[in-house]
């Protein structure tokens, strides 16, 4: 839902795909980073 609203918002602005990709990347990067950090901490605590 958030991605759909974001896509509609960015569609109104005239942006080339590189700028749009640069803005969208953190939305997908942050959950991936948190998952990696969480798994690293979980494996560290297991030792």
C-alpha atoms as a PDB file:
ATOM      1  CA  UNK A   1       0.000   0.000   0.000  1.00  0.00           C
ATOM      2  CA  UNK A   2       2.805   2.385   0.932  1.00  0.00           C
ATOM      3  CA  UNK A   3       4.655   1.601  -2.291  1.00  0.00           C
ATOM      4  CA  UNK A   4       1.513   2.229  -4.357  1.00  0.00           C
ATOM      5  CA  UNK A   5       0.922   5.622  -2.728  1.00  0.00           C
ATOM      6  CA  UNK A   6       4.603   6.467  -3.173  1.00  0.00           C
ATOM      7  CA  UNK A   7       4.455   5.488  -6.852  1.00  0.00           C
ATOM      8  CA  UNK A   8       1.411   7.706  -7.421  1.00  0.00           C
ATOM      9  CA  UNK A   9       3.120  10.603  -5.614  1.00  0.00           C
ATOM     10  CA  UNK A  10       6.339  10.269  -7.612  1.00  0.00           C
ATOM     11  CA  UNK A  11       4.449   9.811 -10.891  1.00  0.00           C
ATOM     12  CA  UNK A  12       3.107  13.357 -10.642  1.00  0.00           C
ATOM     13  CA  UNK A  13       6.664  14.658 -10.410  1.00  0.00           C
ATOM     14  CA  UNK A  14       8.726  14.470 -13.567  1.00  0.00           C
ATOM     15  CA  UNK A  15      11.720  12.410 -12.511  1.00  0.00           C
ATOM     16  CA  UNK A  16      14.050  10.278 -14.522  1.00  0.00           C
ATOM     17  CA  UNK A  17      14.254   6.629 -13.462  1.00  0.00           C
ATOM     18  CA  UNK A  18      17.671   7.061 -11.805  1.00  0.00           C
ATOM     19  CA  UNK A  19      16.355   9.638  -9.331  1.00  0.00           C
ATOM     20  CA  UNK A  20      13.281   7.513  -8.664  1.00  0.00           C
ATOM     21  CA  UNK A  21      15.423   4.404  -8.071  1.00  0.00           C
ATOM     22  CA  UNK A  22      17.688   6.387  -5.723  1.00  0.00           C
ATOM     23  CA  UNK A  23      14.642   7.474  -3.713  1.00  0.00           C
ATOM     24  CA  UNK A  24      13.042   4.022  -3.668  1.00  0.00           C
ATOM     25  CA  UNK A  25      16.217   2.113  -2.716  1.00  0.00           C
ATOM     26  CA  UNK A  26      16.263   3.092   1.005  1.00  0.00           C
ATOM     27  CA  UNK A  27      12.680   1.825   1.400  1.00  0.00           C
ATOM     28  CA  UNK A  28      13.868  -1.666   0.439  1.00  0.00           C
ATOM     29  CA  UNK A  29      17.398  -1.367   1.865  1.00  0.00           C
ATOM     30  CA  UNK A  30      16.375  -0.502   5.446  1.00  0.00           C
ATOM     31  CA  UNK A  31      14.317  -3.686   6.073  1.00  0.00           C
ATOM     32  CA  UNK A  32      17.097  -5.800   4.533  1.00  0.00           C
ATOM     33  CA  UNK A  33      19.719  -4.149   6.739  1.00  0.00           C
ATOM     34  CA  UNK A  34      17.610  -4.602   9.866  1.00  0.00           C
ATOM     35  CA  UNK A  35      17.084  -8.281   8.993  1.00  0.00           C
ATOM     36  CA  UNK A  36      20.833  -8.782   8.497  1.00  0.00           C
ATOM     37  CA  UNK A  37      21.687  -7.008  11.756  1.00  0.00           C
ATOM     38  CA  UNK A  38      19.040  -8.987  13.637  1.00  0.00           C
ATOM     39  CA  UNK A  39      20.308 -12.321  12.284  1.00  0.00           C
ATOM     40  CA  UNK A  40      23.903 -11.336  13.084  1.00  0.00           C
ATOM     41  CA  UNK A  41      22.978 -10.431  16.663  1.00  0.00           C
ATOM     42  CA  UNK A  42      20.929 -13.620  17.031  1.00  0.00           C
ATOM     43  CA  UNK A  43      23.844 -15.796  15.905  1.00  0.00           C
ATOM     44  CA  UNK A  44      26.223 -13.809  18.133  1.00  0.00           C
ATOM     45  CA  UNK A  45      24.060 -14.315  21.226  1.00  0.00           C
ATOM     46  CA  UNK A  46      23.745 -18.028  20.443  1.00  0.00           C
ATOM     47  CA  UNK A  47      27.486 -18.532  20.942  1.00  0.00           C
END
